[in-house]
All heavy atoms as atom14 arrays in JSON, in Angstrom:
{
  "sequence": "TLSHHLDKLRQVGVITAEKDRQWIWYSVQSETLKSLIDFLYEEC",
  "atom14_mask": [
    [1, 1, 1, 1, 1, 1, 1, 0, 0, 0, 0, 0, 0, 0],
    [1, 1, 1, 1, 1, 1, 1, 1, 0, 0, 0, 0, 0, 0],
    [1, 1, 1, 1, 1, 1, 0, 0, 0, 0, 0, 0, 0, 0],
    [1, 1, 1, 1, 1, 1, 1, 1, 1, 1, 0, 0, 0, 0],
    [1, 1, 1, 1, 1, 1, 1, 1, 1, 1, 0, 0, 0, 0],
    [1, 1, 1, 1, 1, 1, 1, 1, 0, 0, 0, 0, 0, 0],
    [1, 1, 1, 1, 1, 1, 1, 1, 0, 0, 0, 0, 0, 0],
    [1, 1, 1, 1, 1, 1, 1, 1, 1, 0, 0, 0, 0, 0],
    [1, 1, 1, 1, 1, 1, 1, 1, 0, 0, 0, 0, 0, 0],
    [1, 1, 1, 1, 1, 1, 1, 1, 1, 1, 1, 0, 0, 0],
    [1, 1, 1, 1, 1, 1, 1, 1, 1, 0, 0, 0, 0, 0],
    [1, 1, 1, 1, 1, 1, 1, 0, 0, 0, 0, 0, 0, 0],
    [1, 1, 1, 1, 0, 0, 0, 0, 0, 0, 0, 0, 0, 0],
    [1, 1, 1, 1, 1, 1, 1, 0, 0, 0, 0, 0, 0, 0],
    [1, 1, 1, 1, 1, 1, 1, 1, 0, 0, 0, 0, 0, 0],
    [1, 1, 1, 1, 1, 1, 1, 0, 0, 0, 0, 0, 0, 0],
    [1, 1, 1, 1, 1, 0, 0, 0, 0, 0, 0, 0, 0, 0],
    [1, 1, 1, 1, 1, 1, 1, 1, 1, 0, 0, 0, 0, 0],
    [1, 1, 1, 1, 1, 1, 1, 1, 1, 0, 0, 0, 0, 0],
    [1, 1, 1, 1, 1, 1, 1, 1, 0, 0, 0, 0, 0, 0],
    [1, 1, 1, 1, 1, 1, 1, 1, 1, 1, 1, 0, 0, 0],
    [1, 1, 1, 1, 1, 1, 1, 1, 1, 0, 0, 0, 0, 0],
    [1, 1, 1, 1, 1, 1, 1, 1, 1, 1, 1, 1, 1, 1],
    [1, 1, 1, 1, 1, 1, 1, 1, 0, 0, 0, 0, 0, 0],
    [1, 1, 1, 1, 1, 1, 1, 1, 1, 1, 1, 1, 1, 1],
    [1, 1, 1, 1, 1, 1, 1, 1, 1, 1, 1, 1, 0, 0],
    [1, 1, 1, 1, 1, 1, 0, 0, 0, 0, 0, 0, 0, 0],
    [1, 1, 1, 1, 1, 1, 1, 0, 0, 0, 0, 0, 0, 0],
    [1, 1, 1, 1, 1, 1, 1, 1, 1, 0, 0, 0, 0, 0],
    [1, 1, 1, 1, 1, 1, 0, 0, 0, 0, 0, 0, 0, 0],
    [1, 1, 1, 1, 1, 1, 1, 1, 1, 0, 0, 0, 0, 0],
    [1, 1, 1, 1, 1, 1, 1, 0, 0, 0, 0, 0, 0, 0],
    [1, 1, 1, 1, 1, 1, 1, 1, 0, 0, 0, 0, 0, 0],
    [1, 1, 1, 1, 1, 1, 1, 1, 1, 0, 0, 0, 0, 0],
    [1, 1, 1, 1, 1, 1, 0, 0, 0, 0, 0, 0, 0, 0],
    [1, 1, 1, 1, 1, 1, 1, 1, 0, 0, 0, 0, 0, 0],
    [1, 1, 1, 1, 1, 1, 1, 1, 0, 0, 0, 0, 0, 0],
    [1, 1, 1, 1, 1, 1, 1, 1, 0, 0, 0, 0, 0, 0],
    [1, 1, 1, 1, 1, 1, 1, 1, 1, 1, 1, 0, 0, 0],
    [1, 1, 1, 1, 1, 1, 1, 1, 0, 0, 0, 0, 0, 0],
    [1, 1, 1, 1, 1, 1, 1, 1, 1, 1, 1, 1, 0, 0],
    [1, 1, 1, 1, 1, 1, 1, 1, 1, 0, 0, 0, 0, 0],
    [1, 1, 1, 1, 1, 1, 1, 1, 1, 0, 0, 0, 0, 0],
    [1, 1, 1, 1, 1, 1, 0, 0, 0, 0, 0, 0, 0, 0]
  ],
  "atom14_positions": [
    [[-5.16, 62.21, -30.62], [-5.85, 63.21, -31.43], [-5.48, 64.6, -30.88], [-5.17, 65.55, -31.6], [-7.34, 63.01, -31.42], [-7.64, 61.71, -31.93], [-8.04, 64.09, -32.25], [0.0, 0.0, 0.0], [0.0, 0.0, 0.0], [0.0, 0.0, 0.0], [0.0, 0.0, 0.0], [0.0, 0.0, 0.0], [0.0, 0.0, 0.0], [0.0, 0.0, 0.0]],
    [[-5.56, 64.75, -29.55], [-5.24, 66.05, -28.9], [-3.77, 66.4, -29.21], [-3.47, 67.53, -29.55], [-5.44, 65.94, -27.42], [-5.03, 67.19, -26.57], [-5.89, 68.38, -27.04], [-5.17, 66.93, -25.12], [0.0, 0.0, 0.0], [0.0, 0.0, 0.0], [0.0, 0.0, 0.0], [0.0, 0.0, 0.0], [0.0, 0.0, 0.0], [0.0, 0.0, 0.0]],
    [[-2.86, 65.42, -29.09], [-1.46, 65.67, -29.37], [-1.26, 66.22, -30.75], [-0.48, 67.13, -30.98], [-0.66, 64.38, -29.13], [0.71, 64.57, -29.39], [0.0, 0.0, 0.0], [0.0, 0.0, 0.0], [0.0, 0.0, 0.0], [0.0, 0.0, 0.0], [0.0, 0.0, 0.0], [0.0, 0.0, 0.0], [0.0, 0.0, 0.0], [0.0, 0.0, 0.0]],
    [[-1.92, 65.6, -31.74], [-1.86, 66.05, -33.11], [-2.31, 67.52, -33.26], [-1.62, 68.31, -33.91], [-2.71, 65.13, -34.0], [-3.0, 65.69, -35.37], [-2.05, 65.63, -36.38], [-4.08, 66.26, -35.89], [-2.53, 66.23, -37.47], [-3.8, 66.6, -37.21], [0.0, 0.0, 0.0], [0.0, 0.0, 0.0], [0.0, 0.0, 0.0], [0.0, 0.0, 0.0]],
    [[-3.46, 67.87, -32.64], [-3.96, 69.17, -32.77], [-3.09, 70.19, -32.04], [-2.85, 71.29, -32.59], [-5.44, 69.28, -32.21], [-6.42, 68.6, -33.11], [-6.59, 68.88, -34.46], [-7.29, 67.6, -32.82], [-7.5, 68.12, -34.98], [-7.96, 67.29, -34.0], [0.0, 0.0, 0.0], [0.0, 0.0, 0.0], [0.0, 0.0, 0.0], [0.0, 0.0, 0.0]],
    [[-2.57, 69.86, -30.9], [-1.71, 70.76, -30.17], [-0.46, 71.04, -30.93], [0.07, 72.15, -31.0], [-1.38, 70.17, -28.79], [-2.53, 70.15, -27.79], [-2.11, 69.37, -26.53], [-2.95, 71.56, -27.36], [0.0, 0.0, 0.0], [0.0, 0.0, 0.0], [0.0, 0.0, 0.0], [0.0, 0.0, 0.0], [0.0, 0.0, 0.0], [0.0, 0.0, 0.0]],
    [[0.05, 69.98, -31.58], [1.29, 70.13, -32.41], [1.04, 71.07, -33.58], [1.89, 71.89, -33.85], [1.8, 68.75, -32.87], [3.17, 68.85, -33.51], [4.08, 69.46, -32.87], [3.34, 68.29, -34.6], [0.0, 0.0, 0.0], [0.0, 0.0, 0.0], [0.0, 0.0, 0.0], [0.0, 0.0, 0.0], [0.0, 0.0, 0.0], [0.0, 0.0, 0.0]],
    [[-0.07, 70.91, -34.24], [-0.37, 71.85, -35.36], [-0.46, 73.3, -34.88], [0.07, 74.19, -35.52], [-1.68, 71.46, -36.02], [-1.68, 70.18, -36.85], [-0.93, 70.42, -38.11], [-1.11, 69.23, -38.99], [-0.38, 69.35, -40.27], [0.0, 0.0, 0.0], [0.0, 0.0, 0.0], [0.0, 0.0, 0.0], [0.0, 0.0, 0.0], [0.0, 0.0, 0.0]],
    [[-1.12, 73.51, -33.76], [-1.23, 74.87, -33.25], [0.14, 75.42, -32.79], [0.39, 76.6, -32.98], [-2.23, 74.91, -32.08], [-3.68, 74.66, -32.45], [-4.55, 74.48, -31.24], [-4.23, 75.84, -33.3], [0.0, 0.0, 0.0], [0.0, 0.0, 0.0], [0.0, 0.0, 0.0], [0.0, 0.0, 0.0], [0.0, 0.0, 0.0], [0.0, 0.0, 0.0]],
    [[0.96, 74.58, -32.28], [2.32, 74.97, -31.87], [3.19, 75.3, -33.07], [3.9, 76.28, -33.06], [2.91, 73.9, -30.99], [4.08, 74.37, -30.16], [4.6, 73.3, -29.21], [4.68, 71.96, -29.76], [5.66, 71.51, -30.56], [6.62, 72.33, -30.91], [5.69, 70.29, -31.0], [0.0, 0.0, 0.0], [0.0, 0.0, 0.0], [0.0, 0.0, 0.0]],
    [[3.01, 74.55, -34.13], [3.84, 74.75, -35.37], [3.6, 76.17, -35.97], [4.48, 76.77, -36.52], [3.52, 73.68, -36.41], [4.12, 72.36, -36.08], [3.67, 71.31, -37.1], [3.02, 71.57, -38.09], [4.05, 70.07, -36.84], [0.0, 0.0, 0.0], [0.0, 0.0, 0.0], [0.0, 0.0, 0.0], [0.0, 0.0, 0.0], [0.0, 0.0, 0.0]],
    [[2.34, 76.61, -35.89], [2.01, 77.9, -36.49], [2.19, 79.05, -35.47], [1.88, 80.2, -35.78], [0.61, 77.99, -37.15], [0.56, 77.02, -38.35], [-0.5, 77.67, -36.16], [0.0, 0.0, 0.0], [0.0, 0.0, 0.0], [0.0, 0.0, 0.0], [0.0, 0.0, 0.0], [0.0, 0.0, 0.0], [0.0, 0.0, 0.0], [0.0, 0.0, 0.0]],
    [[2.54, 78.77, -34.25], [2.84, 79.76, -33.27], [1.64, 80.29, -32.48], [1.72, 81.29, -31.83], [0.0, 0.0, 0.0], [0.0, 0.0, 0.0], [0.0, 0.0, 0.0], [0.0, 0.0, 0.0], [0.0, 0.0, 0.0], [0.0, 0.0, 0.0], [0.0, 0.0, 0.0], [0.0, 0.0, 0.0], [0.0, 0.0, 0.0], [0.0, 0.0, 0.0]],
    [[0.52, 79.59, -32.53], [-0.68, 80.02, -31.79], [-0.54, 79.61, -30.32], [-1.03, 80.37, -29.46], [-1.96, 79.4, -32.4], [-3.17, 79.66, -31.53], [-2.12, 79.94, -33.79], [0.0, 0.0, 0.0], [0.0, 0.0, 0.0], [0.0, 0.0, 0.0], [0.0, 0.0, 0.0], [0.0, 0.0, 0.0], [0.0, 0.0, 0.0], [0.0, 0.0, 0.0]],
    [[0.1, 78.52, -30.01], [0.27, 78.15, -28.6], [1.71, 77.81, -28.37], [2.53, 77.57, -29.29], [-0.61, 76.89, -28.22], [-0.21, 75.66, -29.02], [-2.09, 77.21, -28.47], [-0.89, 74.4, -28.58], [0.0, 0.0, 0.0], [0.0, 0.0, 0.0], [0.0, 0.0, 0.0], [0.0, 0.0, 0.0], [0.0, 0.0, 0.0], [0.0, 0.0, 0.0]],
    [[2.05, 77.75, -27.08], [3.36, 77.32, -26.67], [3.19, 76.16, -25.68], [2.17, 75.99, -25.06], [4.17, 78.45, -25.93], [3.44, 78.87, -24.81], [4.45, 79.61, -26.87], [0.0, 0.0, 0.0], [0.0, 0.0, 0.0], [0.0, 0.0, 0.0], [0.0, 0.0, 0.0], [0.0, 0.0, 0.0], [0.0, 0.0, 0.0], [0.0, 0.0, 0.0]],
    [[4.24, 75.37, -25.58], [4.26, 74.22, -24.64], [5.43, 74.42, -23.69], [6.56, 74.66, -24.17], [4.37, 72.93, -25.45], [0.0, 0.0, 0.0], [0.0, 0.0, 0.0], [0.0, 0.0, 0.0], [0.0, 0.0, 0.0], [0.0, 0.0, 0.0], [0.0, 0.0, 0.0], [0.0, 0.0, 0.0], [0.0, 0.0, 0.0], [0.0, 0.0, 0.0]],
    [[5.2, 74.16, -22.44], [6.28, 74.3, -21.47], [6.15, 73.1, -20.53], [5.1, 72.84, -19.89], [6.13, 75.57, -20.71], [7.3, 75.87, -19.82], [7.2, 77.27, -19.21], [6.85, 78.2, -19.97], [7.51, 77.38, -18.0], [0.0, 0.0, 0.0], [0.0, 0.0, 0.0], [0.0, 0.0, 0.0], [0.0, 0.0, 0.0], [0.0, 0.0, 0.0]],
    [[7.25, 72.37, -20.39], [7.27, 71.21, -19.49], [7.52, 71.64, -18.08], [8.39, 72.43, -17.79], [8.41, 70.21, -19.98], [8.34, 68.92, -19.22], [9.2, 67.91, -19.96], [9.24, 66.59, -19.18], [8.09, 65.78, -19.32], [0.0, 0.0, 0.0], [0.0, 0.0, 0.0], [0.0, 0.0, 0.0], [0.0, 0.0, 0.0], [0.0, 0.0, 0.0]],
    [[6.69, 71.11, -17.19], [6.78, 71.34, -15.75], [6.69, 70.02, -15.05], [5.63, 69.45, -14.89], [5.67, 72.28, -15.3], [5.71, 72.58, -13.79], [6.81, 72.54, -13.22], [4.62, 72.78, -13.19], [0.0, 0.0, 0.0], [0.0, 0.0, 0.0], [0.0, 0.0, 0.0], [0.0, 0.0, 0.0], [0.0, 0.0, 0.0], [0.0, 0.0, 0.0]],
    [[7.88, 69.49, -14.67], [7.99, 68.14, -14.1], [7.43, 67.16, -15.08], [7.96, 67.06, -16.21], [7.35, 68.07, -12.75], [8.07, 68.92, -11.69], [7.41, 68.85, -10.37], [6.1, 69.62, -10.5], [5.68, 70.44, -9.61], [6.32, 70.64, -8.55], [4.58, 71.06, -9.81], [0.0, 0.0, 0.0], [0.0, 0.0, 0.0], [0.0, 0.0, 0.0]],
    [[6.37, 66.42, -14.75], [5.86, 65.38, -15.63], [4.74, 65.93, -16.54], [4.24, 65.15, -17.35], [5.4, 64.17, -14.86], [4.13, 64.33, -14.05], [4.41, 64.74, -12.63], [5.41, 65.39, -12.33], [3.56, 64.34, -11.73], [0.0, 0.0, 0.0], [0.0, 0.0, 0.0], [0.0, 0.0, 0.0], [0.0, 0.0, 0.0], [0.0, 0.0, 0.0]],
    [[4.31, 67.16, -16.4], [3.22, 67.75, -17.21], [3.75, 68.69, -18.24], [4.76, 69.37, -18.07], [2.25, 68.48, -16.28], [1.57, 67.57, -15.32], [0.54, 66.71, -15.6], [1.82, 67.48, -13.92], [0.15, 66.08, -14.42], [0.94, 66.55, -13.37], [2.7, 68.12, -13.08], [0.92, 66.18, -12.08], [2.72, 67.76, -11.74], [1.81, 66.8, -11.23]],
    [[2.99, 68.8, -19.3], [3.27, 69.78, -20.32], [2.07, 70.78, -20.25], [0.93, 70.39, -20.46], [3.42, 69.21, -21.75], [4.58, 68.22, -21.73], [3.63, 70.29, -22.79], [4.81, 67.51, -23.07], [0.0, 0.0, 0.0], [0.0, 0.0, 0.0], [0.0, 0.0, 0.0], [0.0, 0.0, 0.0], [0.0, 0.0, 0.0], [0.0, 0.0, 0.0]],
    [[2.42, 72.01, -20.03], [1.42, 73.1, -19.97], [1.37, 73.78, -21.32], [2.4, 74.13, -21.91], [1.76, 74.09, -18.88], [1.4, 73.58, -17.49], [2.11, 72.63, -16.85], [0.38, 73.99, -16.72], [1.5, 72.39, -15.62], [0.45, 73.23, -15.52], [-0.66, 74.92, -16.81], [-0.46, 73.38, -14.46], [-1.52, 75.09, -15.79], [-1.44, 74.32, -14.64]],
    [[0.16, 74.05, -21.8], [-0.04, 74.77, -23.04], [-0.71, 76.11, -22.75], [-1.59, 76.21, -21.89], [-0.92, 73.95, -24.01], [-0.2, 72.69, -24.48], [-0.29, 71.51, -23.77], [0.56, 72.7, -25.6], [0.34, 70.35, -24.18], [1.23, 71.58, -26.03], [1.11, 70.43, -25.35], [1.76, 69.31, -25.74], [0.0, 0.0, 0.0], [0.0, 0.0, 0.0]],
    [[-0.26, 77.13, -23.48], [-0.84, 78.43, -23.38], [-0.9, 79.09, -24.72], [-0.12, 78.78, -25.62], [-0.12, 79.26, -22.35], [1.26, 79.44, -22.73], [0.0, 0.0, 0.0], [0.0, 0.0, 0.0], [0.0, 0.0, 0.0], [0.0, 0.0, 0.0], [0.0, 0.0, 0.0], [0.0, 0.0, 0.0], [0.0, 0.0, 0.0], [0.0, 0.0, 0.0]],
    [[-1.79, 80.08, -24.82], [-2.0, 80.83, -26.05], [-0.9, 81.88, -26.2], [-0.52, 82.55, -25.19], [-3.39, 81.46, -26.08], [-3.52, 82.44, -27.25], [-4.45, 80.41, -26.14], [0.0, 0.0, 0.0], [0.0, 0.0, 0.0], [0.0, 0.0, 0.0], [0.0, 0.0, 0.0], [0.0, 0.0, 0.0], [0.0, 0.0, 0.0], [0.0, 0.0, 0.0]],
    [[-0.39, 82.07, -27.37], [0.5, 83.15, -27.69], [-0.38, 84.33, -28.12], [-0.74, 84.44, -29.31], [1.4, 82.76, -28.88], [2.51, 81.83, -28.49], [3.6, 82.6, -27.72], [3.42, 82.96, -26.59], [4.73, 82.78, -28.35], [0.0, 0.0, 0.0], [0.0, 0.0, 0.0], [0.0, 0.0, 0.0], [0.0, 0.0, 0.0], [0.0, 0.0, 0.0]],
    [[-0.73, 85.17, -27.2], [-1.68, 86.26, -27.51], [-1.13, 87.19, -28.57], [-1.9, 87.76, -29.33], [-2.04, 87.01, -26.24], [-0.88, 87.52, -25.62], [0.0, 0.0, 0.0], [0.0, 0.0, 0.0], [0.0, 0.0, 0.0], [0.0, 0.0, 0.0], [0.0, 0.0, 0.0], [0.0, 0.0, 0.0], [0.0, 0.0, 0.0], [0.0, 0.0, 0.0]],
    [[0.17, 87.36, -28.67], [0.77, 88.22, -29.71], [0.45, 87.68, -31.09], [0.28, 88.42, -32.05], [2.24, 88.44, -29.48], [2.58, 89.38, -28.37], [1.96, 90.78, -28.61], [2.11, 91.31, -29.74], [1.34, 91.28, -27.65], [0.0, 0.0, 0.0], [0.0, 0.0, 0.0], [0.0, 0.0, 0.0], [0.0, 0.0, 0.0], [0.0, 0.0, 0.0]],
    [[0.46, 86.36, -31.26], [0.15, 85.76, -32.54], [-1.28, 86.06, -32.94], [-1.57, 86.44, -34.07], [0.38, 84.23, -32.51], [1.73, 83.99, -32.23], [-0.03, 83.59, -33.82], [0.0, 0.0, 0.0], [0.0, 0.0, 0.0], [0.0, 0.0, 0.0], [0.0, 0.0, 0.0], [0.0, 0.0, 0.0], [0.0, 0.0, 0.0], [0.0, 0.0, 0.0]],
    [[-2.23, 85.9, -31.98], [-3.62, 86.22, -32.29], [-3.81, 87.69, -32.56], [-4.56, 88.05, -33.45], [-4.48, 85.77, -31.1], [-4.51, 84.23, -30.81], [-5.42, 83.93, -29.64], [-4.96, 83.44, -32.04], [0.0, 0.0, 0.0], [0.0, 0.0, 0.0], [0.0, 0.0, 0.0], [0.0, 0.0, 0.0], [0.0, 0.0, 0.0], [0.0, 0.0, 0.0]],
    [[-3.09, 88.56, -31.83], [-3.18, 89.98, -32.05], [-2.68, 90.29, -33.47], [-3.26, 91.11, -34.18], [-2.37, 90.73, -31.05], [-2.48, 92.25, -31.19], [-1.61, 92.97, -30.19], [-1.65, 94.43, -30.32], [-1.43, 94.96, -31.71], [0.0, 0.0, 0.0], [0.0, 0.0, 0.0], [0.0, 0.0, 0.0], [0.0, 0.0, 0.0], [0.0, 0.0, 0.0]],
    [[-1.62, 89.64, -33.94], [-1.05, 89.93, -35.23], [-2.05, 89.49, -36.33], [-2.13, 90.11, -37.39], [0.3, 89.3, -35.44], [0.18, 87.9, -35.54], [0.0, 0.0, 0.0], [0.0, 0.0, 0.0], [0.0, 0.0, 0.0], [0.0, 0.0, 0.0], [0.0, 0.0, 0.0], [0.0, 0.0, 0.0], [0.0, 0.0, 0.0], [0.0, 0.0, 0.0]],
    [[-2.83, 88.46, -36.08], [-3.83, 88.02, -37.04], [-4.9, 89.11, -37.18], [-5.35, 89.44, -38.27], [-4.49, 86.72, -36.64], [-3.62, 85.5, -36.66], [-4.37, 84.26, -36.13], [-3.09, 85.21, -38.07], [0.0, 0.0, 0.0], [0.0, 0.0, 0.0], [0.0, 0.0, 0.0], [0.0, 0.0, 0.0], [0.0, 0.0, 0.0], [0.0, 0.0, 0.0]],
    [[-5.34, 89.65, -36.05], [-6.35, 90.68, -36.07], [-5.83, 91.94, -36.73], [-6.47, 92.56, -37.55], [-6.86, 90.97, -34.69], [-7.66, 89.72, -34.18], [-7.77, 92.22, -34.59], [-8.0, 89.73, -32.7], [0.0, 0.0, 0.0], [0.0, 0.0, 0.0], [0.0, 0.0, 0.0], [0.0, 0.0, 0.0], [0.0, 0.0, 0.0], [0.0, 0.0, 0.0]],
    [[-4.57, 92.28, -36.38], [-3.94, 93.46, -36.97], [-3.88, 93.29, -38.5], [-4.1, 94.26, -39.23], [-2.54, 93.66, -36.43], [-2.56, 94.16, -35.0], [-3.65, 94.53, -34.48], [-1.51, 94.12, -34.32], [0.0, 0.0, 0.0], [0.0, 0.0, 0.0], [0.0, 0.0, 0.0], [0.0, 0.0, 0.0], [0.0, 0.0, 0.0], [0.0, 0.0, 0.0]],
    [[-3.51, 92.1, -38.97], [-3.47, 91.87, -40.37], [-4.8, 92.08, -41.03], [-4.88, 92.73, -42.14], [-3.01, 90.41, -40.66], [-3.08, 90.03, -42.11], [-2.04, 90.44, -43.0], [-4.1, 89.29, -42.6], [-2.13, 90.09, -44.33], [-4.19, 88.9, -43.9], [-3.19, 89.36, -44.82], [0.0, 0.0, 0.0], [0.0, 0.0, 0.0], [0.0, 0.0, 0.0]],
    [[-5.89, 91.64, -40.47], [-7.19, 91.82, -41.02], [-7.62, 93.26, -41.1], [-8.25, 93.67, -42.06], [-8.25, 91.0, -40.22], [-8.11, 89.47, -40.3], [-9.11, 88.83, -39.35], [-8.29, 89.03, -41.73], [0.0, 0.0, 0.0], [0.0, 0.0, 0.0], [0.0, 0.0, 0.0], [0.0, 0.0, 0.0], [0.0, 0.0, 0.0], [0.0, 0.0, 0.0]],
    [[-7.18, 94.06, -40.14], [-7.52, 95.44, -40.07], [-6.55, 96.39, -40.7], [-6.76, 97.59, -40.76], [-7.82, 95.91, -38.64], [-9.14, 95.53, -38.1], [-9.33, 94.37, -37.39], [-10.25, 96.31, -38.37], [-10.57, 94.0, -36.86], [-11.52, 95.99, -37.87], [-11.64, 94.79, -37.15], [-12.89, 94.48, -36.67], [0.0, 0.0, 0.0], [0.0, 0.0, 0.0]],
    [[-5.45, 95.84, -41.25], [-4.37, 96.63, -41.79], [-4.82, 97.64, -42.84], [-4.36, 98.81, -42.86], [-3.3, 95.71, -42.38], [-2.0, 96.35, -42.65], [-0.99, 95.31, -43.04], [-0.89, 95.0, -44.23], [-0.31, 94.85, -42.13], [0.0, 0.0, 0.0], [0.0, 0.0, 0.0], [0.0, 0.0, 0.0], [0.0, 0.0, 0.0], [0.0, 0.0, 0.0]],
    [[-5.71, 97.26, -43.72], [-6.11, 98.12, -44.83], [-7.43, 98.85, -44.49], [-8.0, 99.49, -45.34], [-6.3, 97.29, -46.09], [-5.0, 96.61, -46.52], [-3.93, 97.55, -46.92], [-4.24, 98.63, -47.51], [-2.78, 97.22, -46.68], [0.0, 0.0, 0.0], [0.0, 0.0, 0.0], [0.0, 0.0, 0.0], [0.0, 0.0, 0.0], [0.0, 0.0, 0.0]],
    [[-7.9, 98.72, -43.32], [-9.22, 99.25, -42.91], [-9.07, 100.38, -41.95], [-8.09, 100.57, -41.29], [-10.03, 98.14, -42.3], [-11.57, 98.64, -41.52], [0.0, 0.0, 0.0], [0.0, 0.0, 0.0], [0.0, 0.0, 0.0], [0.0, 0.0, 0.0], [0.0, 0.0, 0.0], [0.0, 0.0, 0.0], [0.0, 0.0, 0.0], [0.0, 0.0, 0.0]]
  ]
}
């Protein structure tokens, strides 16, 4: 279930995945979140 949700978030660019030896680290793409907020405030 987690894998499915992580994949969906990665597909839309909200998170990135980086392999480090045997682990996969996930982190937020803050620029993507910022662009969402910018979009909402664009006309305001």
